[in-house]
N, C-alpha and C. Protein backbone atom coordinates (compact mmCIF):
# COMPACT_ATOMS: atom_id res chain seq x y z
N MET A 1 -2.24 -7.67 -0.29
CA MET A 1 -3.42 -7.49 0.56
C MET A 1 -3.21 -6.29 1.48
N SER A 2 -4.10 -5.29 1.35
CA SER A 2 -3.97 -4.07 2.15
C SER A 2 -4.40 -4.31 3.59
N ARG A 3 -3.73 -3.64 4.51
CA ARG A 3 -4.10 -3.74 5.93
C ARG A 3 -5.25 -2.81 6.28
N GLY A 4 -5.65 -1.96 5.33
CA GLY A 4 -6.73 -1.03 5.59
C GLY A 4 -6.58 0.21 4.74
N ARG A 5 -7.65 0.97 4.64
CA ARG A 5 -7.68 2.19 3.82
C ARG A 5 -7.71 3.40 4.75
N ILE A 6 -6.75 4.28 4.62
CA ILE A 6 -6.61 5.42 5.53
C ILE A 6 -6.68 6.73 4.75
N LEU A 7 -7.52 7.63 5.22
CA LEU A 7 -7.59 8.98 4.68
C LEU A 7 -6.72 9.89 5.51
N VAL A 8 -5.73 10.55 4.88
CA VAL A 8 -4.87 11.51 5.55
C VAL A 8 -5.27 12.91 5.10
N VAL A 9 -5.68 13.75 6.04
CA VAL A 9 -6.09 15.11 5.74
C VAL A 9 -5.05 16.06 6.33
N GLU A 10 -4.23 16.64 5.47
CA GLU A 10 -3.09 17.44 5.92
C GLU A 10 -2.72 18.43 4.83
N ASP A 11 -2.60 19.72 5.17
CA ASP A 11 -2.27 20.72 4.15
C ASP A 11 -0.78 20.98 4.00
N ASP A 12 0.03 20.49 4.94
CA ASP A 12 1.48 20.63 4.82
C ASP A 12 2.00 19.52 3.90
N ALA A 13 2.56 19.92 2.75
CA ALA A 13 2.95 18.95 1.72
C ALA A 13 4.02 17.97 2.23
N ALA A 14 4.99 18.47 3.01
CA ALA A 14 6.07 17.61 3.50
C ALA A 14 5.55 16.57 4.48
N ILE A 15 4.68 17.00 5.41
CA ILE A 15 4.11 16.06 6.38
C ILE A 15 3.22 15.05 5.67
N LEU A 16 2.43 15.52 4.72
CA LEU A 16 1.53 14.63 3.98
C LEU A 16 2.31 13.54 3.25
N GLU A 17 3.40 13.93 2.59
CA GLU A 17 4.18 12.94 1.84
C GLU A 17 4.86 11.94 2.78
N ALA A 18 5.35 12.42 3.93
CA ALA A 18 5.98 11.51 4.90
C ALA A 18 4.97 10.51 5.43
N LEU A 19 3.76 10.96 5.70
CA LEU A 19 2.72 10.06 6.20
C LEU A 19 2.31 9.05 5.12
N ARG A 20 2.14 9.52 3.90
CA ARG A 20 1.81 8.60 2.81
C ARG A 20 2.86 7.49 2.68
N GLU A 21 4.13 7.90 2.66
CA GLU A 21 5.21 6.93 2.45
C GLU A 21 5.25 5.91 3.58
N LYS A 22 5.14 6.38 4.83
CA LYS A 22 5.20 5.48 5.97
C LYS A 22 4.02 4.52 5.99
N LEU A 23 2.83 5.02 5.75
CA LEU A 23 1.63 4.17 5.79
C LEU A 23 1.66 3.13 4.67
N ARG A 24 2.09 3.53 3.49
CA ARG A 24 2.19 2.58 2.39
C ARG A 24 3.24 1.52 2.67
N LEU A 25 4.34 1.95 3.28
CA LEU A 25 5.39 1.00 3.64
C LEU A 25 4.87 -0.04 4.62
N GLU A 26 3.94 0.37 5.48
CA GLU A 26 3.37 -0.54 6.47
C GLU A 26 2.21 -1.37 5.91
N GLY A 27 1.90 -1.18 4.63
CA GLY A 27 0.90 -2.02 3.99
C GLY A 27 -0.49 -1.45 3.90
N TYR A 28 -0.66 -0.14 4.15
CA TYR A 28 -1.98 0.48 4.07
C TYR A 28 -2.21 1.13 2.72
N GLU A 29 -3.46 1.15 2.30
CA GLU A 29 -3.86 1.95 1.14
C GLU A 29 -4.11 3.37 1.64
N VAL A 30 -3.58 4.37 0.95
CA VAL A 30 -3.65 5.74 1.43
C VAL A 30 -4.37 6.62 0.40
N ILE A 31 -5.35 7.37 0.88
CA ILE A 31 -5.94 8.44 0.11
C ILE A 31 -5.71 9.73 0.89
N SER A 32 -5.78 10.88 0.24
CA SER A 32 -5.41 12.10 0.94
C SER A 32 -6.28 13.27 0.52
N ALA A 33 -6.27 14.30 1.36
CA ALA A 33 -6.96 15.55 1.08
C ALA A 33 -6.13 16.68 1.65
N ARG A 34 -6.13 17.83 0.95
CA ARG A 34 -5.30 18.97 1.36
C ARG A 34 -6.10 20.07 2.06
N ASP A 35 -7.42 19.97 2.07
CA ASP A 35 -8.25 20.96 2.76
C ASP A 35 -9.52 20.29 3.27
N GLY A 36 -10.28 21.03 4.07
CA GLY A 36 -11.46 20.45 4.70
C GLY A 36 -12.56 20.08 3.75
N GLU A 37 -12.75 20.86 2.71
CA GLU A 37 -13.81 20.55 1.75
C GLU A 37 -13.48 19.29 0.96
N GLU A 38 -12.21 19.15 0.56
CA GLU A 38 -11.79 17.94 -0.14
C GLU A 38 -11.94 16.71 0.77
N ALA A 39 -11.62 16.89 2.05
CA ALA A 39 -11.76 15.79 3.00
C ALA A 39 -13.22 15.34 3.09
N ARG A 40 -14.12 16.29 3.14
CA ARG A 40 -15.55 15.96 3.22
C ARG A 40 -16.01 15.21 1.97
N ASP A 41 -15.50 15.63 0.82
CA ASP A 41 -15.84 14.95 -0.43
C ASP A 41 -15.31 13.51 -0.42
N ARG A 42 -14.07 13.33 0.06
CA ARG A 42 -13.48 11.99 0.12
C ARG A 42 -14.30 11.08 1.05
N LEU A 43 -14.72 11.62 2.18
CA LEU A 43 -15.47 10.83 3.15
C LEU A 43 -16.85 10.46 2.62
N ALA A 44 -17.44 11.35 1.82
CA ALA A 44 -18.75 11.07 1.25
C ALA A 44 -18.67 10.08 0.10
N ASP A 45 -17.48 9.95 -0.49
CA ASP A 45 -17.29 9.06 -1.63
C ASP A 45 -17.21 7.60 -1.18
N VAL A 46 -16.02 7.17 -0.76
CA VAL A 46 -15.83 5.81 -0.26
C VAL A 46 -15.22 5.90 1.13
N PRO A 47 -15.97 5.62 2.19
CA PRO A 47 -15.45 5.78 3.55
C PRO A 47 -14.21 4.91 3.79
N PRO A 48 -13.17 5.48 4.40
CA PRO A 48 -11.97 4.70 4.73
C PRO A 48 -12.18 3.90 6.01
N ASP A 49 -11.11 3.21 6.44
CA ASP A 49 -11.16 2.49 7.71
C ASP A 49 -10.72 3.37 8.87
N LEU A 50 -9.99 4.46 8.57
CA LEU A 50 -9.49 5.36 9.61
C LEU A 50 -9.16 6.70 8.97
N VAL A 51 -9.32 7.78 9.73
CA VAL A 51 -8.99 9.12 9.26
C VAL A 51 -7.90 9.71 10.15
N ILE A 52 -6.84 10.23 9.52
CA ILE A 52 -5.83 11.03 10.22
C ILE A 52 -6.10 12.48 9.82
N LEU A 53 -6.48 13.31 10.78
CA LEU A 53 -7.05 14.63 10.49
C LEU A 53 -6.29 15.76 11.16
N ASP A 54 -5.74 16.65 10.33
CA ASP A 54 -5.15 17.87 10.84
C ASP A 54 -6.29 18.84 11.19
N LEU A 55 -6.07 19.70 12.17
CA LEU A 55 -7.12 20.65 12.56
C LEU A 55 -7.06 21.96 11.79
N MET A 56 -5.86 22.44 11.54
CA MET A 56 -5.70 23.74 10.89
C MET A 56 -5.64 23.54 9.38
N LEU A 57 -6.83 23.60 8.75
CA LEU A 57 -6.96 23.32 7.32
C LEU A 57 -7.56 24.51 6.58
N PRO A 58 -7.22 24.67 5.30
CA PRO A 58 -7.88 25.70 4.49
C PRO A 58 -9.34 25.33 4.21
N LYS A 59 -10.13 26.35 3.90
CA LYS A 59 -11.53 26.22 3.45
C LYS A 59 -12.47 25.75 4.54
N LEU A 60 -12.13 24.66 5.21
CA LEU A 60 -12.99 24.14 6.29
C LEU A 60 -12.08 23.51 7.33
N ASP A 61 -12.13 24.00 8.57
CA ASP A 61 -11.18 23.51 9.57
C ASP A 61 -11.51 22.08 9.99
N GLY A 62 -10.50 21.43 10.62
CA GLY A 62 -10.62 20.03 10.97
C GLY A 62 -11.76 19.73 11.93
N LEU A 63 -12.00 20.59 12.91
CA LEU A 63 -13.10 20.35 13.85
C LEU A 63 -14.45 20.36 13.14
N SER A 64 -14.61 21.24 12.16
CA SER A 64 -15.86 21.27 11.39
C SER A 64 -16.04 20.00 10.58
N VAL A 65 -14.94 19.51 10.01
CA VAL A 65 -14.99 18.24 9.27
C VAL A 65 -15.39 17.11 10.21
N LEU A 66 -14.79 17.10 11.41
CA LEU A 66 -15.07 16.05 12.38
C LEU A 66 -16.53 16.08 12.83
N LYS A 67 -17.05 17.26 13.11
CA LYS A 67 -18.45 17.38 13.54
C LYS A 67 -19.39 16.94 12.42
N TRP A 68 -19.06 17.30 11.18
CA TRP A 68 -19.85 16.86 10.02
C TRP A 68 -19.84 15.34 9.92
N LEU A 69 -18.66 14.74 10.11
CA LEU A 69 -18.53 13.29 10.02
C LEU A 69 -19.33 12.59 11.11
N ARG A 70 -19.26 13.11 12.34
CA ARG A 70 -19.92 12.44 13.46
C ARG A 70 -21.45 12.51 13.37
N LYS A 71 -21.98 13.42 12.57
CA LYS A 71 -23.42 13.44 12.35
C LYS A 71 -23.86 12.27 11.46
N ARG A 72 -22.86 11.71 10.74
CA ARG A 72 -23.15 10.63 9.80
C ARG A 72 -22.74 9.26 10.32
N THR A 73 -21.67 9.21 11.11
CA THR A 73 -21.21 7.92 11.64
C THR A 73 -20.46 8.13 12.94
N ALA A 74 -20.67 7.23 13.87
CA ALA A 74 -19.93 7.28 15.14
C ALA A 74 -18.82 6.25 15.19
N GLU A 75 -18.80 5.34 14.19
CA GLU A 75 -17.88 4.20 14.26
C GLU A 75 -16.51 4.46 13.65
N LEU A 76 -16.43 5.32 12.63
CA LEU A 76 -15.18 5.52 11.91
C LEU A 76 -14.12 6.16 12.82
N PRO A 77 -13.00 5.47 13.10
CA PRO A 77 -11.99 6.04 14.00
C PRO A 77 -11.26 7.24 13.38
N VAL A 78 -11.05 8.27 14.21
CA VAL A 78 -10.40 9.51 13.78
C VAL A 78 -9.25 9.83 14.73
N LEU A 79 -8.07 10.02 14.15
CA LEU A 79 -6.89 10.45 14.90
C LEU A 79 -6.57 11.86 14.49
N ILE A 80 -6.63 12.79 15.44
CA ILE A 80 -6.32 14.19 15.16
C ILE A 80 -4.82 14.42 15.27
N LEU A 81 -4.27 15.15 14.28
CA LEU A 81 -2.91 15.68 14.35
C LEU A 81 -3.03 17.19 14.43
N SER A 82 -2.33 17.80 15.37
CA SER A 82 -2.43 19.25 15.46
C SER A 82 -1.22 19.86 16.13
N ALA A 83 -0.86 21.05 15.66
CA ALA A 83 0.20 21.82 16.32
C ALA A 83 -0.33 22.44 17.60
N ARG A 84 -1.64 22.43 17.76
CA ARG A 84 -2.25 22.98 18.97
C ARG A 84 -2.34 21.87 20.01
N GLY A 85 -1.37 21.84 20.92
CA GLY A 85 -1.27 20.72 21.84
C GLY A 85 -1.68 21.03 23.27
N ARG A 86 -2.30 22.20 23.51
CA ARG A 86 -2.71 22.50 24.87
C ARG A 86 -3.86 21.60 25.32
N GLU A 87 -3.95 21.37 26.61
CA GLU A 87 -4.93 20.42 27.13
C GLU A 87 -6.35 20.76 26.71
N GLU A 88 -6.73 22.04 26.77
CA GLU A 88 -8.11 22.41 26.44
C GLU A 88 -8.41 22.15 24.96
N GLU A 89 -7.39 22.26 24.10
CA GLU A 89 -7.60 22.00 22.68
C GLU A 89 -7.75 20.51 22.43
N LYS A 90 -6.98 19.69 23.17
CA LYS A 90 -7.15 18.24 23.07
C LYS A 90 -8.54 17.83 23.53
N VAL A 91 -8.99 18.41 24.63
CA VAL A 91 -10.32 18.09 25.16
C VAL A 91 -11.39 18.48 24.15
N GLU A 92 -11.23 19.64 23.51
CA GLU A 92 -12.20 20.09 22.50
C GLU A 92 -12.28 19.09 21.34
N GLY A 93 -11.09 18.61 20.87
CA GLY A 93 -11.08 17.66 19.77
C GLY A 93 -11.71 16.33 20.16
N LEU A 94 -11.41 15.84 21.36
CA LEU A 94 -11.97 14.58 21.81
C LEU A 94 -13.48 14.68 22.03
N ARG A 95 -13.93 15.81 22.55
CA ARG A 95 -15.36 16.00 22.76
C ARG A 95 -16.11 16.13 21.44
N ALA A 96 -15.42 16.61 20.41
CA ALA A 96 -16.04 16.73 19.09
C ALA A 96 -16.18 15.38 18.40
N GLY A 97 -15.51 14.37 18.95
CA GLY A 97 -15.69 13.03 18.41
C GLY A 97 -14.43 12.32 17.98
N ALA A 98 -13.25 12.93 18.21
CA ALA A 98 -12.00 12.24 17.86
C ALA A 98 -11.77 11.06 18.80
N ASP A 99 -11.11 10.03 18.29
CA ASP A 99 -10.79 8.86 19.11
C ASP A 99 -9.42 8.98 19.76
N ASP A 100 -8.54 9.79 19.17
CA ASP A 100 -7.20 9.99 19.72
C ASP A 100 -6.68 11.33 19.20
N TYR A 101 -5.64 11.84 19.87
CA TYR A 101 -5.13 13.18 19.56
C TYR A 101 -3.61 13.14 19.71
N LEU A 102 -2.91 13.53 18.66
CA LEU A 102 -1.45 13.52 18.67
C LEU A 102 -0.94 14.90 18.29
N ALA A 103 -0.17 15.52 19.18
CA ALA A 103 0.33 16.87 18.95
C ALA A 103 1.59 16.85 18.08
N LYS A 104 1.71 17.83 17.21
CA LYS A 104 2.92 18.02 16.41
C LYS A 104 3.96 18.75 17.25
N PRO A 105 5.25 18.45 17.05
CA PRO A 105 5.80 17.40 16.19
C PRO A 105 5.61 16.03 16.84
N PHE A 106 5.56 15.00 16.02
CA PHE A 106 5.33 13.66 16.52
C PHE A 106 6.29 12.70 15.83
N GLY A 107 6.51 11.55 16.44
CA GLY A 107 7.34 10.51 15.84
C GLY A 107 6.49 9.55 15.04
N LEU A 108 7.02 9.07 13.91
CA LEU A 108 6.25 8.16 13.07
C LEU A 108 5.97 6.83 13.77
N LYS A 109 6.90 6.40 14.63
CA LYS A 109 6.66 5.14 15.34
C LYS A 109 5.47 5.27 16.29
N GLU A 110 5.37 6.39 17.00
CA GLU A 110 4.22 6.61 17.88
C GLU A 110 2.94 6.73 17.06
N LEU A 111 3.00 7.42 15.94
CA LEU A 111 1.83 7.54 15.08
C LEU A 111 1.34 6.16 14.64
N MET A 112 2.26 5.29 14.19
CA MET A 112 1.86 3.97 13.72
C MET A 112 1.26 3.15 14.86
N ALA A 113 1.81 3.27 16.06
CA ALA A 113 1.26 2.54 17.20
C ALA A 113 -0.17 2.97 17.47
N ARG A 114 -0.44 4.26 17.36
CA ARG A 114 -1.81 4.76 17.60
C ARG A 114 -2.76 4.32 16.49
N VAL A 115 -2.28 4.37 15.24
CA VAL A 115 -3.09 3.92 14.11
C VAL A 115 -3.48 2.45 14.29
N GLU A 116 -2.50 1.61 14.61
CA GLU A 116 -2.76 0.19 14.77
C GLU A 116 -3.71 -0.08 15.93
N ALA A 117 -3.55 0.68 17.02
CA ALA A 117 -4.44 0.50 18.18
C ALA A 117 -5.87 0.88 17.83
N LEU A 118 -6.06 1.97 17.10
CA LEU A 118 -7.40 2.40 16.72
C LEU A 118 -8.06 1.40 15.78
N LEU A 119 -7.29 0.87 14.82
CA LEU A 119 -7.85 -0.11 13.90
C LEU A 119 -8.19 -1.41 14.62
N ARG A 120 -7.32 -1.83 15.56
CA ARG A 120 -7.63 -3.04 16.33
C ARG A 120 -8.92 -2.87 17.12
N ARG A 121 -9.06 -1.71 17.72
CA ARG A 121 -10.25 -1.44 18.52
C ARG A 121 -11.50 -1.45 17.65
N ALA A 122 -11.39 -0.89 16.44
CA ALA A 122 -12.54 -0.80 15.55
C ALA A 122 -12.92 -2.17 14.97
N ARG A 123 -11.91 -2.99 14.69
CA ARG A 123 -12.17 -4.27 14.03
C ARG A 123 -12.34 -5.42 15.00
N GLY A 124 -11.95 -5.20 16.25
CA GLY A 124 -11.91 -6.32 17.18
C GLY A 124 -10.58 -7.03 17.03
N PRO A 125 -10.36 -8.12 17.77
CA PRO A 125 -9.06 -8.80 17.74
C PRO A 125 -8.77 -9.42 16.38
N GLU A 126 -7.47 -9.40 15.98
CA GLU A 126 -7.07 -10.07 14.76
C GLU A 126 -7.23 -11.58 14.92
N GLU A 127 -7.52 -12.23 13.82
CA GLU A 127 -7.70 -13.68 13.86
C GLU A 127 -6.36 -14.38 14.05
N ASP A 128 -6.42 -15.55 14.69
CA ASP A 128 -5.22 -16.36 14.81
C ASP A 128 -4.70 -16.72 13.42
N PHE A 129 -3.38 -16.92 13.33
CA PHE A 129 -2.78 -17.29 12.05
C PHE A 129 -1.88 -18.50 12.28
N ALA A 130 -1.95 -19.48 11.36
CA ALA A 130 -1.17 -20.70 11.53
C ALA A 130 -0.30 -20.96 10.31
N PHE A 131 0.89 -21.47 10.56
CA PHE A 131 1.74 -21.96 9.48
C PHE A 131 2.50 -23.17 10.02
N GLY A 132 2.51 -24.26 9.23
CA GLY A 132 3.11 -25.50 9.73
C GLY A 132 2.44 -25.92 11.03
N GLU A 133 3.25 -26.18 12.04
CA GLU A 133 2.73 -26.56 13.36
C GLU A 133 2.55 -25.35 14.28
N VAL A 134 2.79 -24.16 13.76
CA VAL A 134 2.82 -22.95 14.58
C VAL A 134 1.49 -22.20 14.48
N ARG A 135 1.02 -21.73 15.62
CA ARG A 135 -0.17 -20.89 15.67
C ARG A 135 0.16 -19.59 16.40
N VAL A 136 -0.19 -18.47 15.76
CA VAL A 136 0.05 -17.15 16.35
C VAL A 136 -1.27 -16.61 16.87
N ASP A 137 -1.35 -16.39 18.18
CA ASP A 137 -2.54 -15.87 18.84
C ASP A 137 -2.35 -14.36 19.00
N PHE A 138 -2.96 -13.58 18.09
CA PHE A 138 -2.77 -12.13 18.11
C PHE A 138 -3.37 -11.50 19.36
N GLN A 139 -4.55 -11.97 19.77
CA GLN A 139 -5.24 -11.35 20.90
C GLN A 139 -4.42 -11.45 22.18
N ARG A 140 -3.82 -12.62 22.42
CA ARG A 140 -3.03 -12.82 23.64
C ARG A 140 -1.54 -12.59 23.41
N ARG A 141 -1.16 -12.32 22.14
CA ARG A 141 0.24 -12.11 21.79
C ARG A 141 1.10 -13.28 22.25
N LYS A 142 0.63 -14.48 21.88
CA LYS A 142 1.35 -15.71 22.22
C LYS A 142 1.51 -16.58 20.98
N VAL A 143 2.53 -17.43 21.02
CA VAL A 143 2.83 -18.31 19.89
C VAL A 143 2.90 -19.74 20.40
N PHE A 144 2.28 -20.66 19.66
CA PHE A 144 2.23 -22.06 20.06
C PHE A 144 2.78 -22.93 18.93
N ARG A 145 3.50 -23.97 19.32
CA ARG A 145 3.95 -24.99 18.37
C ARG A 145 3.33 -26.29 18.83
N GLY A 146 2.35 -26.76 18.05
CA GLY A 146 1.53 -27.86 18.54
C GLY A 146 0.71 -27.35 19.73
N ARG A 147 0.79 -28.05 20.85
CA ARG A 147 0.06 -27.62 22.05
C ARG A 147 0.93 -26.84 23.02
N GLU A 148 2.22 -26.74 22.70
CA GLU A 148 3.16 -26.09 23.61
C GLU A 148 3.37 -24.63 23.24
N GLU A 149 3.34 -23.75 24.25
CA GLU A 149 3.65 -22.34 24.00
C GLU A 149 5.15 -22.17 23.77
N VAL A 150 5.50 -21.38 22.78
CA VAL A 150 6.89 -21.07 22.48
C VAL A 150 7.22 -19.72 23.11
N VAL A 151 8.25 -19.70 23.95
CA VAL A 151 8.63 -18.45 24.62
C VAL A 151 9.51 -17.64 23.67
N LEU A 152 9.01 -16.46 23.30
CA LEU A 152 9.75 -15.54 22.43
C LEU A 152 10.08 -14.27 23.20
N SER A 153 11.20 -13.66 22.88
CA SER A 153 11.50 -12.35 23.43
C SER A 153 10.55 -11.33 22.79
N ARG A 154 10.46 -10.15 23.39
CA ARG A 154 9.55 -9.13 22.85
C ARG A 154 9.90 -8.78 21.41
N LYS A 155 11.20 -8.63 21.11
CA LYS A 155 11.63 -8.29 19.76
C LYS A 155 11.35 -9.45 18.80
N GLU A 156 11.60 -10.68 19.23
CA GLU A 156 11.30 -11.83 18.37
C GLU A 156 9.82 -11.87 18.01
N LEU A 157 8.97 -11.61 19.01
CA LEU A 157 7.53 -11.61 18.77
C LEU A 157 7.15 -10.51 17.79
N GLU A 158 7.70 -9.31 17.96
CA GLU A 158 7.36 -8.19 17.08
C GLU A 158 7.82 -8.46 15.65
N VAL A 159 9.00 -9.07 15.48
CA VAL A 159 9.48 -9.43 14.15
C VAL A 159 8.54 -10.44 13.51
N LEU A 160 8.14 -11.46 14.28
CA LEU A 160 7.24 -12.48 13.76
C LEU A 160 5.89 -11.87 13.37
N LEU A 161 5.33 -11.03 14.22
CA LEU A 161 4.04 -10.40 13.91
C LEU A 161 4.14 -9.55 12.66
N PHE A 162 5.26 -8.85 12.49
CA PHE A 162 5.46 -8.03 11.29
C PHE A 162 5.47 -8.91 10.04
N LEU A 163 6.20 -10.03 10.12
CA LEU A 163 6.26 -10.95 8.98
C LEU A 163 4.88 -11.53 8.66
N VAL A 164 4.11 -11.88 9.71
CA VAL A 164 2.78 -12.44 9.49
C VAL A 164 1.87 -11.41 8.84
N ARG A 165 1.90 -10.19 9.33
CA ARG A 165 1.01 -9.14 8.79
C ARG A 165 1.33 -8.80 7.33
N HIS A 166 2.59 -9.00 6.96
CA HIS A 166 3.02 -8.66 5.59
C HIS A 166 3.37 -9.91 4.79
N ARG A 167 2.71 -11.02 5.10
CA ARG A 167 3.09 -12.31 4.51
C ARG A 167 2.86 -12.37 3.01
N GLU A 168 2.07 -11.44 2.46
CA GLU A 168 1.80 -11.48 1.03
C GLU A 168 2.96 -10.94 0.19
N ARG A 169 4.01 -10.44 0.85
CA ARG A 169 5.12 -9.86 0.10
C ARG A 169 6.44 -10.06 0.83
N ILE A 170 7.54 -9.74 0.15
CA ILE A 170 8.87 -9.75 0.74
C ILE A 170 9.08 -8.45 1.50
N VAL A 171 9.61 -8.54 2.72
CA VAL A 171 9.88 -7.32 3.51
C VAL A 171 11.40 -7.13 3.63
N ARG A 172 11.82 -5.90 3.53
CA ARG A 172 13.25 -5.58 3.60
C ARG A 172 13.69 -5.45 5.05
N ARG A 173 14.99 -5.62 5.29
CA ARG A 173 15.53 -5.48 6.64
C ARG A 173 15.20 -4.11 7.22
N GLU A 174 15.35 -3.07 6.40
CA GLU A 174 15.11 -1.72 6.92
C GLU A 174 13.66 -1.50 7.33
N GLU A 175 12.72 -2.20 6.68
CA GLU A 175 11.32 -2.10 7.09
C GLU A 175 11.13 -2.69 8.48
N ILE A 176 11.75 -3.86 8.71
CA ILE A 176 11.64 -4.50 10.02
C ILE A 176 12.28 -3.63 11.09
N LEU A 177 13.46 -3.10 10.81
CA LEU A 177 14.13 -2.22 11.77
C LEU A 177 13.28 -1.01 12.10
N ASP A 178 12.71 -0.40 11.08
CA ASP A 178 11.93 0.81 11.28
C ASP A 178 10.67 0.52 12.10
N SER A 179 10.02 -0.61 11.82
CA SER A 179 8.78 -0.93 12.52
C SER A 179 9.02 -1.44 13.93
N VAL A 180 10.01 -2.34 14.11
CA VAL A 180 10.21 -3.00 15.40
C VAL A 180 11.14 -2.20 16.31
N TRP A 181 12.22 -1.66 15.73
CA TRP A 181 13.19 -0.92 16.54
C TRP A 181 12.95 0.59 16.51
N GLY A 182 12.24 1.08 15.49
CA GLY A 182 11.93 2.49 15.40
C GLY A 182 12.99 3.33 14.73
N TYR A 183 13.96 2.70 14.08
CA TYR A 183 14.98 3.44 13.35
C TYR A 183 15.62 2.49 12.34
N PHE A 184 16.40 3.08 11.43
CA PHE A 184 17.18 2.28 10.50
C PHE A 184 18.62 2.75 10.48
N ALA A 185 19.54 1.81 10.63
CA ALA A 185 20.97 2.09 10.48
C ALA A 185 21.61 0.82 9.93
N SER A 186 22.46 0.97 8.94
CA SER A 186 23.06 -0.20 8.31
C SER A 186 23.81 -1.06 9.32
N SER A 187 24.36 -0.42 10.36
CA SER A 187 25.10 -1.17 11.39
C SER A 187 24.18 -2.06 12.22
N ALA A 188 22.86 -1.81 12.17
CA ALA A 188 21.92 -2.58 12.98
C ALA A 188 21.25 -3.70 12.20
N GLU A 189 21.57 -3.83 10.91
CA GLU A 189 20.90 -4.85 10.10
C GLU A 189 21.12 -6.26 10.64
N ARG A 190 22.27 -6.51 11.27
CA ARG A 190 22.56 -7.85 11.78
C ARG A 190 21.61 -8.21 12.93
N ALA A 191 21.05 -7.20 13.58
CA ALA A 191 20.07 -7.49 14.65
C ALA A 191 18.86 -8.21 14.07
N VAL A 192 18.43 -7.81 12.88
CA VAL A 192 17.31 -8.49 12.23
C VAL A 192 17.69 -9.93 11.91
N ASP A 193 18.88 -10.14 11.32
CA ASP A 193 19.32 -11.49 10.99
C ASP A 193 19.39 -12.38 12.24
N PHE A 194 19.85 -11.81 13.34
CA PHE A 194 19.96 -12.55 14.60
C PHE A 194 18.57 -13.01 15.07
N HIS A 195 17.60 -12.12 15.01
CA HIS A 195 16.25 -12.47 15.48
C HIS A 195 15.56 -13.44 14.52
N ILE A 196 15.80 -13.30 13.22
CA ILE A 196 15.26 -14.26 12.26
C ILE A 196 15.83 -15.65 12.54
N LEU A 197 17.14 -15.71 12.80
CA LEU A 197 17.79 -16.98 13.12
C LEU A 197 17.17 -17.62 14.36
N ASN A 198 16.94 -16.82 15.40
CA ASN A 198 16.32 -17.34 16.62
C ASN A 198 14.89 -17.84 16.37
N LEU A 199 14.13 -17.11 15.55
CA LEU A 199 12.77 -17.55 15.23
C LEU A 199 12.79 -18.90 14.51
N ARG A 200 13.73 -19.07 13.60
CA ARG A 200 13.83 -20.35 12.89
C ARG A 200 14.16 -21.49 13.86
N LYS A 201 15.06 -21.22 14.79
CA LYS A 201 15.42 -22.25 15.77
C LYS A 201 14.23 -22.66 16.61
N LYS A 202 13.36 -21.71 16.92
CA LYS A 202 12.23 -21.99 17.81
C LYS A 202 10.99 -22.50 17.07
N LEU A 203 10.86 -22.15 15.77
CA LEU A 203 9.60 -22.43 15.08
C LEU A 203 9.70 -23.36 13.89
N GLU A 204 10.85 -23.46 13.26
CA GLU A 204 11.00 -24.30 12.07
C GLU A 204 11.29 -25.76 12.45
N PRO A 205 10.74 -26.73 11.71
CA PRO A 205 11.08 -28.14 11.96
C PRO A 205 12.58 -28.40 11.76
N ASP A 206 13.15 -27.77 10.74
CA ASP A 206 14.59 -27.89 10.47
C ASP A 206 15.13 -26.49 10.24
N PRO A 207 15.68 -25.85 11.28
CA PRO A 207 16.14 -24.46 11.13
C PRO A 207 17.18 -24.26 10.03
N ALA A 208 17.96 -25.31 9.73
CA ALA A 208 18.99 -25.20 8.69
C ALA A 208 18.37 -25.16 7.29
N SER A 209 17.16 -25.71 7.14
CA SER A 209 16.45 -25.69 5.86
C SER A 209 15.03 -25.18 6.10
N PRO A 210 14.88 -23.90 6.38
CA PRO A 210 13.57 -23.35 6.75
C PRO A 210 12.54 -23.49 5.63
N ARG A 211 11.31 -23.76 6.04
CA ARG A 211 10.20 -23.90 5.09
C ARG A 211 9.24 -22.72 5.12
N HIS A 212 9.28 -21.94 6.20
CA HIS A 212 8.29 -20.87 6.37
C HIS A 212 8.92 -19.48 6.48
N ILE A 213 9.96 -19.33 7.29
CA ILE A 213 10.61 -18.02 7.46
C ILE A 213 11.80 -17.99 6.52
N LEU A 214 11.57 -17.47 5.33
CA LEU A 214 12.53 -17.61 4.24
C LEU A 214 13.32 -16.33 3.99
N THR A 215 14.57 -16.50 3.57
CA THR A 215 15.41 -15.40 3.11
C THR A 215 15.29 -15.32 1.59
N ARG A 216 14.94 -14.17 1.10
CA ARG A 216 14.93 -13.90 -0.33
C ARG A 216 16.20 -13.12 -0.63
N HIS A 217 17.23 -13.80 -1.08
CA HIS A 217 18.56 -13.22 -1.17
C HIS A 217 18.60 -11.95 -2.00
N GLY A 218 19.19 -10.93 -1.41
CA GLY A 218 19.28 -9.63 -2.05
C GLY A 218 18.03 -8.79 -1.92
N LEU A 219 16.96 -9.35 -1.32
CA LEU A 219 15.69 -8.64 -1.22
C LEU A 219 15.22 -8.46 0.22
N GLY A 220 15.20 -9.58 0.97
CA GLY A 220 14.72 -9.48 2.35
C GLY A 220 14.21 -10.82 2.84
N PHE A 221 13.08 -10.78 3.58
CA PHE A 221 12.52 -11.99 4.18
C PHE A 221 11.04 -12.11 3.83
N GLN A 222 10.55 -13.34 3.90
CA GLN A 222 9.13 -13.56 3.66
C GLN A 222 8.65 -14.75 4.47
N LEU A 223 7.46 -14.61 5.05
CA LEU A 223 6.83 -15.73 5.75
C LEU A 223 5.90 -16.43 4.77
N VAL A 224 6.13 -17.72 4.58
CA VAL A 224 5.36 -18.52 3.62
C VAL A 224 4.58 -19.60 4.39
N PRO A 225 3.25 -19.54 4.41
CA PRO A 225 2.47 -20.53 5.15
C PRO A 225 2.68 -21.95 4.64
C-alpha cells in the first residue's frame, strides 16, 4: 500500500535518483520529470499527491510550471527545491504558490519531514490505528492500551509509528535507523532491537511471545494487526 504519489521534478540526475530511492524506501510511489515541459505533461496526465519542484529547469523554469499549476489547482502541495536560497527568492517562490521551500544542499531527513508535514496538512489527520488492545492516536501522537495511555519515549513512539505506516511489509533495521535516527551505522543496529524490545514490553500481552511486533529473522521487523 503506497503512502502517496509524488512527482519529483529535477534535472540533476544524481539528486533525482537519490530522491527516488529515499521516497520509495519510505513507501511512496514516485514519478519524475527532467524538465519543465515534461513536468507539465505529467501534471496534466494523472495528478500526484505532492510535487517536489526544482526551480532551475531546462525548457520551462520551475516558477513557470508552478504558476501554470496554480491556475488549475490551489490544493496540490508543492515543495520547491532550489540552489537559490536568498530570502527574496524564497518569497518569490512562496508568492507564486509554493507551500514550502528548501534550499540546496539539503538533508534527506529534513526533506522527508517536510514532505510528511505537507501531506498531513493536505489530507488532514491520519486515522487512528488499532492492533490487539492497542490504539495509536496519530493526531495527538499518543498510544493507548485499553483505556490507559501508554507512556513511550520519543524514539519508541517514532519506531512504532514507522512500523504502523509500513505494516503491509517487512522493514529492515537500516530503514528504521535512517527514518527515526537520521543515519545508518551497523554499530547502531542494537538501538533498534532495544526499542523494539521496550515496545513489546509495553504493548504486547506476552512480550516473550509477541503477536503483533514480530521479528522476521534475517529480514527485519513487521507489525501484524
